[in-house]
Protein backbone atom coordinates (compact mmCIF):
# COMPACT_ATOMS: atom_id res chain seq x y z
CA MET A 1 88.79 99.95 108.27
CA PRO A 2 88.75 103.36 106.61
CA GLU A 3 89.80 105.21 109.77
CA ASP A 4 92.78 102.85 110.13
CA GLU A 5 93.78 103.49 106.54
CA ALA A 6 93.52 107.24 107.11
CA GLU A 7 95.74 107.00 110.21
CA ILE A 8 98.38 105.00 108.35
CA LYS A 9 98.31 107.39 105.38
CA ALA A 10 98.68 110.39 107.70
CA ALA A 11 101.62 108.77 109.54
CA PHE A 12 103.27 107.95 106.23
CA ALA A 13 102.85 111.50 104.93
CA LYS A 14 104.36 112.94 108.12
CA ALA A 15 107.24 110.47 108.00
CA ILE A 16 108.09 111.41 104.41
CA VAL A 17 108.33 115.10 105.34
CA VAL A 18 110.45 114.46 108.42
CA ARG A 19 112.78 111.97 106.66
CA ALA A 20 114.10 114.80 104.49
CA LYS A 21 115.44 116.66 107.52
CA GLY A 22 118.56 114.56 108.10
CA ALA A 23 119.82 111.18 109.25
CA GLU A 24 118.50 111.37 112.83
CA ALA A 25 115.14 112.65 111.65
CA LYS A 26 114.97 109.85 109.07
CA GLU A 27 115.54 107.23 111.76
CA LEU A 28 112.90 108.78 114.00
CA ALA A 29 110.39 109.11 111.16
CA ASP A 30 110.89 105.49 110.11
CA ARG A 31 110.34 104.29 113.66
CA TYR A 32 107.24 106.49 114.05
CA PHE A 33 105.69 105.09 110.87
CA LEU A 34 106.57 101.49 111.71
CA GLU A 35 105.17 101.82 115.26
CA THR A 36 101.96 103.33 113.91
CA PHE A 37 101.61 100.63 111.27
CA VAL A 38 102.22 97.77 113.72
CA ARG A 39 99.94 99.28 116.39
CA VAL A 40 97.05 99.67 113.92
CA HIS A 41 97.65 96.17 112.52
CA ARG A 42 97.69 94.60 116.00
CA ALA A 43 94.49 96.45 116.94
CA GLY A 44 92.84 95.05 113.81
CA GLU A 45 93.74 91.57 115.03
CA GLY A 46 92.33 92.35 118.47
CA ALA A 47 95.82 92.00 119.93
CA PRO A 48 97.56 94.45 122.24
CA TYR A 49 100.38 96.60 120.99
CA THR A 50 103.39 96.09 123.23
CA GLY A 51 105.83 98.19 121.28
CA LEU A 52 108.59 97.37 118.88
CA LYS A 53 111.41 95.18 120.10
CA ASP A 54 114.86 96.73 120.29
CA GLU A 55 116.46 93.82 118.51
CA PRO A 56 118.48 94.13 115.34
CA VAL A 57 116.10 93.60 112.46
CA ILE A 58 116.73 93.61 108.75
CA LEU A 59 113.69 95.40 107.40
CA SER A 60 112.27 94.45 104.09
CA TRP A 61 108.75 95.43 103.20
CA PRO A 62 106.40 92.48 103.53
CA TRP A 63 104.54 91.91 100.29
CA PRO A 64 101.06 92.95 101.55
CA THR A 65 102.45 96.20 102.98
CA LYS A 66 104.47 96.99 99.89
CA HIS A 67 101.51 96.16 97.65
CA TRP A 68 99.18 98.39 99.70
CA LEU A 69 101.64 101.29 99.66
CA LEU A 70 102.06 100.94 95.90
CA ASP A 71 98.30 100.86 95.42
CA GLN A 72 98.01 104.04 97.45
CA ARG A 73 100.80 105.57 95.33
CA MET A 74 102.74 106.19 98.53
CA ILE A 75 105.95 104.59 97.25
């Protein structure tokens, strides 16, 4: 949905600005963007957003996400 795309783009733009402000800010910005992305994705599936799990995770961009971000010229 266009409004979802706009929300994700806005979160990404904010995260990029904040990431430049230091290590702690980078961690917070990454989490903010990831939470926004997952929440919007879950809503699109009609599923509730229950938050991110505090488990160690090795993040690698899933192909659809990476492809979308590249198409939007965001990475």
